[in-house]
Amino acid sequence: MIEVTAVKSIQDYHLVVTFNTGEVRRFDMRPYLHYPIYQRLENPGFFSLARVDYGTVTWPGDIDIAPETIYHDGLPATPSSV
């Protein structure tokens, strides 16, 4: 099972996510911000509160996104390339 081990929020509503496989993906959250559950993330300060809980990316208020979505829709990256 794919799990998130680290997350970093960066500019323009992107996440840099490290998985338990050692792979790193850059994920664009902008296409998701129009969904009601993610509208609070439009605030850059709130977006920056991204953290890892139980193998997935979460924010306060029970907001999360599936690690499989990030893995499949994210672009391969390295921590030094972002």
PDB file of N, CA and C in Angstrom:
ATOM      1  N   MET A   1       0.840  -1.174   0.000  1.00  0.00           N
ATOM      2  CA  MET A   1       0.000   0.000   0.000  1.00  0.00           C
ATOM      3  C   MET A   1       0.889   1.243   0.000  1.00  0.00           C
ATOM      4  N   ILE A   2       0.567   2.182  -0.878  1.00  0.00           N
ATOM      5  CA  ILE A   2       1.333   3.421  -0.977  1.00  0.00           C
ATOM      6  C   ILE A   2       0.942   4.357   0.174  1.00  0.00           C
ATOM      7  N   GLU A   3       1.951   4.903   0.861  1.00  0.00           N
ATOM      8  CA  GLU A   3       1.702   5.821   1.963  1.00  0.00           C
ATOM      9  C   GLU A   3       2.631   7.018   1.855  1.00  0.00           C
ATOM     10  N   VAL A   4       2.148   8.148   2.333  1.00  0.00           N
ATOM     11  CA  VAL A   4       2.936   9.378   2.379  1.00  0.00           C
ATOM     12  C   VAL A   4       3.785   9.345   3.641  1.00  0.00           C
ATOM     13  N   THR A   5       5.062   9.709   3.485  1.00  0.00           N
ATOM     14  CA  THR A   5       5.946   9.787   4.648  1.00  0.00           C
ATOM     15  C   THR A   5       6.362  11.218   4.968  1.00  0.00           C
ATOM     16  N   ALA A   6       6.257  12.129   3.969  1.00  0.00           N
ATOM     17  CA  ALA A   6       6.609  13.528   4.199  1.00  0.00           C
ATOM     18  C   ALA A   6       5.871  14.398   3.182  1.00  0.00           C
ATOM     19  N   VAL A   7       5.570  15.619   3.595  1.00  0.00           N
ATOM     20  CA  VAL A   7       4.920  16.568   2.693  1.00  0.00           C
ATOM     21  C   VAL A   7       5.457  17.961   2.976  1.00  0.00           C
ATOM     22  N   LYS A   8       5.580  18.731   1.912  1.00  0.00           N
ATOM     23  CA  LYS A   8       5.991  20.132   2.020  1.00  0.00           C
ATOM     24  C   LYS A   8       5.096  20.925   1.075  1.00  0.00           C
ATOM     25  N   SER A   9       4.467  21.981   1.591  1.00  0.00           N
ATOM     26  CA  SER A   9       3.681  22.853   0.717  1.00  0.00           C
ATOM     27  C   SER A   9       4.613  23.911   0.139  1.00  0.00           C
ATOM     28  N   ILE A  10       4.434  24.196  -1.144  1.00  0.00           N
ATOM     29  CA  ILE A  10       5.246  25.205  -1.816  1.00  0.00           C
ATOM     30  C   ILE A  10       4.322  26.160  -2.559  1.00  0.00           C
ATOM     31  N   GLN A  11       4.885  27.122  -3.229  1.00  0.00           N
ATOM     32  CA  GLN A  11       4.091  28.165  -3.888  1.00  0.00           C
ATOM     33  C   GLN A  11       3.122  27.615  -4.916  1.00  0.00           C
ATOM     34  N   ASP A  12       2.121  28.414  -5.213  1.00  0.00           N
ATOM     35  CA  ASP A  12       1.111  28.098  -6.225  1.00  0.00           C
ATOM     36  C   ASP A  12       0.336  26.818  -5.922  1.00  0.00           C
ATOM     37  N   TYR A  13       0.107  26.565  -4.644  1.00  0.00           N
ATOM     38  CA  TYR A  13      -0.739  25.438  -4.217  1.00  0.00           C
ATOM     39  C   TYR A  13      -0.216  24.082  -4.707  1.00  0.00           C
ATOM     40  N   HIS A  14       1.074  23.915  -4.626  1.00  0.00           N
ATOM     41  CA  HIS A  14       1.702  22.640  -4.950  1.00  0.00           C
ATOM     42  C   HIS A  14       2.198  21.975  -3.666  1.00  0.00           C
ATOM     43  N   LEU A  15       2.242  20.670  -3.716  1.00  0.00           N
ATOM     44  CA  LEU A  15       2.799  19.871  -2.629  1.00  0.00           C
ATOM     45  C   LEU A  15       3.963  19.062  -3.165  1.00  0.00           C
ATOM     46  N   VAL A  16       4.989  18.919  -2.359  1.00  0.00           N
ATOM     47  CA  VAL A  16       6.071  17.988  -2.649  1.00  0.00           C
ATOM     48  C   VAL A  16       5.899  16.857  -1.643  1.00  0.00           C
ATOM     49  N   VAL A  17       5.628  15.676  -2.162  1.00  0.00           N
ATOM     50  CA  VAL A  17       5.233  14.548  -1.323  1.00  0.00           C
ATOM     51  C   VAL A  17       6.217  13.394  -1.497  1.00  0.00           C
ATOM     52  N   THR A  18       6.683  12.854  -0.379  1.00  0.00           N
ATOM     53  CA  THR A  18       7.559  11.686  -0.374  1.00  0.00           C
ATOM     54  C   THR A  18       6.732  10.484   0.071  1.00  0.00           C
ATOM     55  N   PHE A  19       6.915   9.376  -0.639  1.00  0.00           N
ATOM     56  CA  PHE A  19       6.159   8.157  -0.363  1.00  0.00           C
ATOM     57  C   PHE A  19       7.046   7.097   0.279  1.00  0.00           C
ATOM     58  N   ASN A  20       6.405   6.083   0.845  1.00  0.00           N
ATOM     59  CA  ASN A  20       7.142   5.005   1.508  1.00  0.00           C
ATOM     60  C   ASN A  20       7.982   4.178   0.532  1.00  0.00           C
ATOM     61  N   THR A  21       7.825   4.412  -0.751  1.00  0.00           N
ATOM     62  CA  THR A  21       8.663   3.764  -1.763  1.00  0.00           C
ATOM     63  C   THR A  21       9.970   4.519  -1.988  1.00  0.00           C
ATOM     64  N   GLY A  22      10.066   5.711  -1.389  1.00  0.00           N
ATOM     65  CA  GLY A  22      11.211   6.584  -1.604  1.00  0.00           C
ATOM     66  C   GLY A  22      11.002   7.571  -2.732  1.00  0.00           C
ATOM     67  N   GLU A  23       9.923   7.391  -3.495  1.00  0.00           N
ATOM     68  CA  GLU A  23       9.636   8.295  -4.609  1.00  0.00           C
ATOM     69  C   GLU A  23       9.113   9.635  -4.099  1.00  0.00           C
ATOM     70  N   VAL A  24       9.404  10.689  -4.869  1.00  0.00           N
ATOM     71  CA  VAL A  24       8.948  12.043  -4.553  1.00  0.00           C
ATOM     72  C   VAL A  24       8.120  12.532  -5.730  1.00  0.00           C
ATOM     73  N   ARG A  25       6.965  13.102  -5.422  1.00  0.00           N
ATOM     74  CA  ARG A  25       6.074  13.636  -6.458  1.00  0.00           C
ATOM     75  C   ARG A  25       5.719  15.069  -6.124  1.00  0.00           C
ATOM     76  N   ARG A  26       5.569  15.865  -7.193  1.00  0.00           N
ATOM     77  CA  ARG A  26       5.069  17.237  -7.065  1.00  0.00           C
ATOM     78  C   ARG A  26       3.617  17.207  -7.523  1.00  0.00           C
ATOM     79  N   PHE A  27       2.720  17.679  -6.648  1.00  0.00           N
ATOM     80  CA  PHE A  27       1.286  17.579  -6.895  1.00  0.00           C
ATOM     81  C   PHE A  27       0.658  18.963  -6.871  1.00  0.00           C
ATOM     82  N   ASP A  28      -0.123  19.264  -7.902  1.00  0.00           N
ATOM     83  CA  ASP A  28      -0.805  20.546  -8.050  1.00  0.00           C
ATOM     84  C   ASP A  28      -2.215  20.434  -7.474  1.00  0.00           C
ATOM     85  N   MET A  29      -2.490  21.165  -6.399  1.00  0.00           N
ATOM     86  CA  MET A  29      -3.819  21.136  -5.773  1.00  0.00           C
ATOM     87  C   MET A  29      -4.807  22.107  -6.430  1.00  0.00           C
ATOM     88  N   ARG A  30      -4.338  22.992  -7.307  1.00  0.00           N
ATOM     89  CA  ARG A  30      -5.234  24.017  -7.873  1.00  0.00           C
ATOM     90  C   ARG A  30      -6.488  23.446  -8.526  1.00  0.00           C
ATOM     91  N   PRO A  31      -6.435  22.337  -9.268  1.00  0.00           N
ATOM     92  CA  PRO A  31      -7.669  21.814  -9.871  1.00  0.00           C
ATOM     93  C   PRO A  31      -8.704  21.331  -8.844  1.00  0.00           C
ATOM     94  N   TYR A  32      -8.295  21.142  -7.614  1.00  0.00           N
ATOM     95  CA  TYR A  32      -9.184  20.622  -6.576  1.00  0.00           C
ATOM     96  C   TYR A  32      -9.815  21.718  -5.726  1.00  0.00           C
ATOM     97  N   LEU A  33      -9.292  22.936  -5.810  1.00  0.00           N
ATOM     98  CA  LEU A  33      -9.721  24.002  -4.904  1.00  0.00           C
ATOM     99  C   LEU A  33     -11.166  24.426  -5.094  1.00  0.00           C
ATOM    100  N   HIS A  34     -11.783  24.107  -6.225  1.00  0.00           N
ATOM    101  CA  HIS A  34     -13.179  24.497  -6.425  1.00  0.00           C
ATOM    102  C   HIS A  34     -14.150  23.544  -5.723  1.00  0.00           C
ATOM    103  N   TYR A  35     -13.667  22.377  -5.288  1.00  0.00           N
ATOM    104  CA  TYR A  35     -14.522  21.457  -4.543  1.00  0.00           C
ATOM    105  C   TYR A  35     -14.756  22.018  -3.141  1.00  0.00           C
ATOM    106  N   PRO A  36     -15.986  21.953  -2.639  1.00  0.00           N
ATOM    107  CA  PRO A  36     -16.280  22.545  -1.323  1.00  0.00           C
ATOM    108  C   PRO A  36     -15.341  22.091  -0.207  1.00  0.00           C
ATOM    109  N   ILE A  37     -14.974  20.835  -0.161  1.00  0.00           N
ATOM    110  CA  ILE A  37     -14.114  20.335   0.918  1.00  0.00           C
ATOM    111  C   ILE A  37     -12.742  21.014   0.910  1.00  0.00           C
ATOM    112  N   TYR A  38     -12.280  21.447  -0.255  1.00  0.00           N
ATOM    113  CA  TYR A  38     -10.939  22.031  -0.368  1.00  0.00           C
ATOM    114  C   TYR A  38     -10.922  23.553  -0.440  1.00  0.00           C
ATOM    115  N   GLN A  39     -12.059  24.217  -0.386  1.00  0.00           N
ATOM    116  CA  GLN A  39     -12.090  25.671  -0.551  1.00  0.00           C
ATOM    117  C   GLN A  39     -11.295  26.403   0.523  1.00  0.00           C
ATOM    118  N   ARG A  40     -11.222  25.867   1.712  1.00  0.00           N
ATOM    119  CA  ARG A  40     -10.430  26.519   2.777  1.00  0.00           C
ATOM    120  C   ARG A  40      -8.951  26.566   2.418  1.00  0.00           C
ATOM    121  N   LEU A  41      -8.524  25.671   1.550  1.00  0.00           N
ATOM    122  CA  LEU A  41      -7.106  25.622   1.160  1.00  0.00           C
ATOM    123  C   LEU A  41      -6.712  26.783   0.252  1.00  0.00           C
ATOM    124  N   GLU A  42      -7.693  27.547  -0.243  1.00  0.00           N
ATOM    125  CA  GLU A  42      -7.378  28.715  -1.063  1.00  0.00           C
ATOM    126  C   GLU A  42      -6.615  29.768  -0.264  1.00  0.00           C
ATOM    127  N   ASN A  43      -6.714  29.717   1.043  1.00  0.00           N
ATOM    128  CA  ASN A  43      -5.942  30.608   1.906  1.00  0.00           C
ATOM    129  C   ASN A  43      -4.523  30.041   1.991  1.00  0.00           C
ATOM    130  N   PRO A  44      -3.524  30.768   1.460  1.00  0.00           N
ATOM    131  CA  PRO A  44      -2.155  30.229   1.438  1.00  0.00           C
ATOM    132  C   PRO A  44      -1.628  29.841   2.819  1.00  0.00           C
ATOM    133  N   GLY A  45      -1.999  30.594   3.833  1.00  0.00           N
ATOM    134  CA  GLY A  45      -1.558  30.263   5.185  1.00  0.00           C
ATOM    135  C   GLY A  45      -2.137  28.944   5.662  1.00  0.00           C
ATOM    136  N   PHE A  46      -3.389  28.705   5.337  1.00  0.00           N
ATOM    137  CA  PHE A  46      -4.027  27.448   5.712  1.00  0.00           C
ATOM    138  C   PHE A  46      -3.450  26.301   4.884  1.00  0.00           C
ATOM    139  N   PHE A  47      -3.238  26.536   3.597  1.00  0.00           N
ATOM    140  CA  PHE A  47      -2.659  25.507   2.736  1.00  0.00           C
ATOM    141  C   PHE A  47      -1.308  25.043   3.277  1.00  0.00           C
ATOM    142  N   SER A  48      -0.548  25.976   3.817  1.00  0.00           N
ATOM    143  CA  SER A  48       0.793  25.649   4.312  1.00  0.00           C
ATOM    144  C   SER A  48       0.768  24.758   5.553  1.00  0.00           C
ATOM    145  N   LEU A  49      -0.399  24.514   6.122  1.00  0.00           N
ATOM    146  CA  LEU A  49      -0.523  23.659   7.301  1.00  0.00           C
ATOM    147  C   LEU A  49      -0.567  22.170   6.956  1.00  0.00           C
ATOM    148  N   ALA A  50      -0.321  21.837   5.700  1.00  0.00           N
ATOM    149  CA  ALA A  50      -0.335  20.426   5.279  1.00  0.00           C
ATOM    150  C   ALA A  50       0.627  19.617   6.136  1.00  0.00           C
ATOM    151  N   ARG A  51       0.171  18.411   6.507  1.00  0.00           N
ATOM    152  CA  ARG A  51       0.999  17.518   7.314  1.00  0.00           C
ATOM    153  C   ARG A  51       0.656  16.073   6.948  1.00  0.00           C
ATOM    154  N   VAL A  52       1.422  15.149   7.475  1.00  0.00           N
ATOM    155  CA  VAL A  52       1.168  13.729   7.239  1.00  0.00           C
ATOM    156  C   VAL A  52       0.520  13.130   8.479  1.00  0.00           C
ATOM    157  N   ASP A  53      -0.609  12.476   8.279  1.00  0.00           N
ATOM    158  CA  ASP A  53      -1.290  11.720   9.329  1.00  0.00           C
ATOM    159  C   ASP A  53      -1.681  10.367   8.751  1.00  0.00           C
ATOM    160  N   TYR A  54      -1.260   9.311   9.404  1.00  0.00           N
ATOM    161  CA  TYR A  54      -1.659   7.953   9.016  1.00  0.00           C
ATOM    162  C   TYR A  54      -1.433   7.658   7.531  1.00  0.00           C
ATOM    163  N   GLY A  55      -0.324   8.150   6.993  1.00  0.00           N
ATOM    164  CA  GLY A  55       0.057   7.823   5.628  1.00  0.00           C
ATOM    165  C   GLY A  55      -0.608   8.636   4.541  1.00  0.00           C
ATOM    166  N   THR A  56      -1.274   9.722   4.907  1.00  0.00           N
ATOM    167  CA  THR A  56      -1.906  10.583   3.908  1.00  0.00           C
ATOM    168  C   THR A  56      -1.665  12.048   4.249  1.00  0.00           C
ATOM    169  N   VAL A  57      -1.886  12.939   3.288  1.00  0.00           N
ATOM    170  CA  VAL A  57      -1.739  14.375   3.506  1.00  0.00           C
ATOM    171  C   VAL A  57      -3.041  14.898   4.094  1.00  0.00           C
ATOM    172  N   THR A  58      -2.922  15.651   5.190  1.00  0.00           N
ATOM    173  CA  THR A  58      -4.094  16.216   5.845  1.00  0.00           C
ATOM    174  C   THR A  58      -3.881  17.682   6.181  1.00  0.00           C
ATOM    175  N   TRP A  59      -5.002  18.336   6.449  1.00  0.00           N
ATOM    176  CA  TRP A  59      -5.030  19.700   6.956  1.00  0.00           C
ATOM    177  C   TRP A  59      -5.996  19.722   8.129  1.00  0.00           C
ATOM    178  N   PRO A  60      -5.921  20.752   8.961  1.00  0.00           N
ATOM    179  CA  PRO A  60      -6.890  20.857  10.054  1.00  0.00           C
ATOM    180  C   PRO A  60      -8.331  20.871   9.522  1.00  0.00           C
ATOM    181  N   GLY A  61      -9.244  20.385  10.338  1.00  0.00           N
ATOM    182  CA  GLY A  61     -10.648  20.378   9.946  1.00  0.00           C
ATOM    183  C   GLY A  61     -11.047  19.147   9.160  1.00  0.00           C
ATOM    184  N   ASP A  62     -10.305  18.057   9.334  1.00  0.00           N
ATOM    185  CA  ASP A  62     -10.623  16.796   8.656  1.00  0.00           C
ATOM    186  C   ASP A  62     -10.567  16.886   7.138  1.00  0.00           C
ATOM    187  N   ILE A  63      -9.628  17.673   6.618  1.00  0.00           N
ATOM    188  CA  ILE A  63      -9.413  17.770   5.175  1.00  0.00           C
ATOM    189  C   ILE A  63      -8.247  16.857   4.828  1.00  0.00           C
ATOM    190  N   ASP A  64      -8.434  16.014   3.820  1.00  0.00           N
ATOM    191  CA  ASP A  64      -7.337  15.150   3.383  1.00  0.00           C
ATOM    192  C   ASP A  64      -7.482  14.844   1.897  1.00  0.00           C
ATOM    193  N   ILE A  65      -6.448  14.231   1.366  1.00  0.00           N
ATOM    194  CA  ILE A  65      -6.472  13.787  -0.025  1.00  0.00           C
ATOM    195  C   ILE A  65      -5.765  12.440  -0.088  1.00  0.00           C
ATOM    196  N   ALA A  66      -6.321  11.540  -0.850  1.00  0.00           N
ATOM    197  CA  ALA A  66      -5.817  10.169  -0.906  1.00  0.00           C
ATOM    198  C   ALA A  66      -4.389  10.121  -1.438  1.00  0.00           C
ATOM    199  N   PRO A  67      -3.539   9.328  -0.807  1.00  0.00           N
ATOM    200  CA  PRO A  67      -2.167   9.207  -1.298  1.00  0.00           C
ATOM    201  C   PRO A  67      -2.110   8.648  -2.716  1.00  0.00           C
ATOM    202  N   GLU A  68      -3.068   7.804  -3.083  1.00  0.00           N
ATOM    203  CA  GLU A  68      -3.095   7.247  -4.434  1.00  0.00           C
ATOM    204  C   GLU A  68      -3.330   8.340  -5.482  1.00  0.00           C
ATOM    205  N   THR A  69      -4.163   9.313  -5.145  1.00  0.00           N
ATOM    206  CA  THR A  69      -4.421  10.428  -6.058  1.00  0.00           C
ATOM    207  C   THR A  69      -3.147  11.229  -6.280  1.00  0.00           C
ATOM    208  N   ILE A  70      -2.449  11.528  -5.203  1.00  0.00           N
ATOM    209  CA  ILE A  70      -1.205  12.293  -5.311  1.00  0.00           C
ATOM    210  C   ILE A  70      -0.173  11.510  -6.115  1.00  0.00           C
ATOM    211  N   TYR A  71      -0.069  10.228  -5.839  1.00  0.00           N
ATOM    212  CA  TYR A  71       0.926   9.399  -6.514  1.00  0.00           C
ATOM    213  C   TYR A  71       0.649   9.305  -8.012  1.00  0.00           C
ATOM    214  N   HIS A  72      -0.592   9.031  -8.385  1.00  0.00           N
ATOM    215  CA  HIS A  72      -0.927   8.823  -9.795  1.00  0.00           C
ATOM    216  C   HIS A  72      -0.998  10.121 -10.593  1.00  0.00           C
ATOM    217  N   ASP A  73      -1.434  11.215  -9.962  1.00  0.00           N
ATOM    218  CA  ASP A  73      -1.595  12.474 -10.679  1.00  0.00           C
ATOM    219  C   ASP A  73      -0.413  13.419 -10.493  1.00  0.00           C
ATOM    220  N   GLY A  74       0.470  13.113  -9.554  1.00  0.00           N
ATOM    221  CA  GLY A  74       1.640  13.955  -9.332  1.00  0.00           C
ATOM    222  C   GLY A  74       2.726  13.670 -10.354  1.00  0.00           C
ATOM    223  N   LEU A  75       3.632  14.625 -10.468  1.00  0.00           N
ATOM    224  CA  LEU A  75       4.761  14.492 -11.396  1.00  0.00           C
ATOM    225  C   LEU A  75       6.010  14.098 -10.619  1.00  0.00           C
ATOM    226  N   PRO A  76       6.812  13.204 -11.168  1.00  0.00           N
ATOM    227  CA  PRO A  76       8.053  12.832 -10.471  1.00  0.00           C
ATOM    228  C   PRO A  76       8.910  14.070 -10.189  1.00  0.00           C
ATOM    229  N   ALA A  77       9.492  14.098  -9.026  1.00  0.00           N
ATOM    230  CA  ALA A  77      10.322  15.231  -8.623  1.00  0.00           C
ATOM    231  C   ALA A  77      11.415  14.728  -7.690  1.00  0.00           C
ATOM    232  N   THR A  78      12.343  15.598  -7.427  1.00  0.00           N
ATOM    233  CA  THR A  78      13.337  15.340  -6.395  1.00  0.00           C
ATOM    234  C   THR A  78      13.252  16.507  -5.417  1.00  0.00           C
ATOM    235  N   PRO A  79      13.548  16.280  -4.153  1.00  0.00           N
ATOM    236  CA  PRO A  79      13.463  17.382  -3.194  1.00  0.00           C
ATOM    237  C   PRO A  79      14.303  18.589  -3.606  1.00  0.00           C
ATOM    238  N   SER A  80      15.418  18.357  -4.282  1.00  0.00           N
ATOM    239  CA  SER A  80      16.281  19.479  -4.679  1.00  0.00           C
ATOM    240  C   SER A  80      15.766  20.216  -5.910  1.00  0.00           C
ATOM    241  N   SER A  81      14.780  19.654  -6.620  1.00  0.00           N
ATOM    242  CA  SER A  81      14.287  20.303  -7.842  1.00  0.00           C
ATOM    243  C   SER A  81      13.129  21.246  -7.591  1.00  0.00           C
ATOM    244  N   VAL A  82      12.708  21.393  -6.347  1.00  0.00           N
ATOM    245  CA  VAL A  82      11.567  22.273  -6.041  1.00  0.00           C
ATOM    246  C   VAL A  82      11.957  23.364  -5.101  1.00  0.00           C
TER     247      VAL A  82
END
